[in-house]
Each structure stands twice: as structure tokens, then as C-alpha cells.
Protein backbone atom coordinates (compact mmCIF):
# COMPACT_ATOMS: atom_id res chain seq x y z
CA MET A 1 -15.01 -1.90 45.92
CA THR A 2 -16.76 1.46 46.00
CA GLU A 3 -18.90 0.39 48.94
CA LEU A 4 -15.82 -0.71 50.87
CA ILE A 5 -14.13 2.65 50.33
CA GLY A 6 -17.36 4.45 51.28
CA LYS A 7 -17.65 2.50 54.53
CA LEU A 8 -14.02 3.17 55.37
CA TYR A 9 -14.45 6.89 54.70
CA GLU A 10 -17.59 6.96 56.86
CA LYS A 11 -15.73 5.33 59.77
CA LEU A 12 -12.89 7.82 59.46
CA TRP A 13 -15.39 10.68 59.20
CA ARG A 14 -17.00 9.71 62.51
CA LYS A 15 -13.65 9.32 64.30
CA VAL A 16 -12.43 12.79 63.37
CA GLY A 17 -15.57 14.54 64.49
CA GLY A 18 -17.59 14.79 61.30
CA LYS A 19 -15.24 17.11 59.43
CA PRO A 20 -13.84 16.32 55.99
CA TRP A 21 -10.13 15.53 55.93
CA THR A 22 -9.48 18.49 53.63
CA GLU A 23 -10.76 20.86 56.31
CA LEU A 24 -8.54 19.22 58.91
CA VAL A 25 -5.47 19.50 56.68
CA ARG A 26 -6.31 23.13 55.83
CA GLY A 27 -6.54 24.01 59.52
CA ASP A 28 -3.27 22.25 60.27
CA GLN A 29 -1.58 23.97 57.33
CA ARG A 30 -2.67 27.37 58.61
CA ASN A 31 -1.18 26.57 62.03
CA SER A 32 2.20 25.43 60.67
CA PRO A 33 2.73 26.59 57.08
CA LEU A 34 6.50 26.12 57.18
CA THR A 35 6.09 22.41 57.80
CA TYR A 36 3.94 21.97 54.71
CA LEU A 37 6.27 24.15 52.66
CA LEU A 38 9.20 21.92 53.61
CA ILE A 39 7.20 18.75 52.92
CA PHE A 40 6.28 19.85 49.41
CA LEU A 41 9.79 21.16 48.76
CA GLY A 42 11.15 17.74 49.74
CA LEU A 43 8.64 15.98 47.51
CA GLY A 44 9.62 18.22 44.61
CA ILE A 45 13.32 17.48 45.10
CA LEU A 46 12.56 13.77 45.35
CA LEU A 47 10.51 13.93 42.14
CA TYR A 48 13.40 15.67 40.39
CA ARG A 49 15.90 13.07 41.60
CA VAL A 50 13.74 10.10 40.63
CA ALA A 51 12.58 11.47 37.28
CA GLY A 52 15.91 12.90 36.16
CA LYS A 53 15.70 14.53 32.75
CA ASN A 54 11.97 13.78 32.35
CA TRP A 55 10.81 15.78 35.36
CA TRP A 56 9.00 18.37 33.21
CA GLN A 57 6.84 15.66 31.57
CA ILE A 58 5.69 14.48 34.98
CA MET A 59 4.90 18.07 36.01
CA VAL A 60 2.85 18.58 32.83
CA GLY A 61 0.94 15.41 33.73
CA PHE A 62 0.25 16.76 37.23
CA LEU A 63 -0.88 20.09 35.75
CA LEU A 64 -3.29 18.36 33.39
CA GLY A 65 -4.64 16.29 36.29
CA ILE A 66 -5.17 19.39 38.41
CA LEU A 67 -6.93 21.19 35.58
CA ALA A 68 -9.16 18.19 34.84
CA GLY A 69 -10.05 17.81 38.52
CA HIS A 70 -10.75 21.51 38.80
CA PHE A 71 -13.04 21.66 35.78
CA TRP A 72 -14.97 18.46 36.49
CA TRP A 73 -15.28 18.71 40.29
């Protein structure tokens, strides 16, 4: 499974010019920040609507995931 994902990522890497997707998204975000702001605002509202009263538990889970990814990157 890991090899399949690696091959897929390599194909995508070559098609976009050898830049990582994070760099492409960062460049696009700098060109149109309002679009990304509205996208994440919409996702936050959707999360609130779907989760209802338990939205804060989901946000704590996201925070822990971000911290873990940050420390063990």
C-alpha cells in the first residue's frame, strides 16, 4: 500500500513541475487569501452544524493532532 501511494505521489510530483503540493497551495493562498479564508470559515460552520453540542471535543482532537504532527515532523 505504501509503494502504491509513493508511486502516485511521484506521478503527481512530476506533473506539477517538481514542487511539493504544500508549496503550490501556499503560493495560491498568497495570491487569493480571501478565498481560503472563506473556505475554512465554511468548513468551520459545517463542522459546527454536523457536530452540534460536541464541536469543542472535535476541535480539541484537531488541536492534539496538530500538536503531535508538529512535534514529531
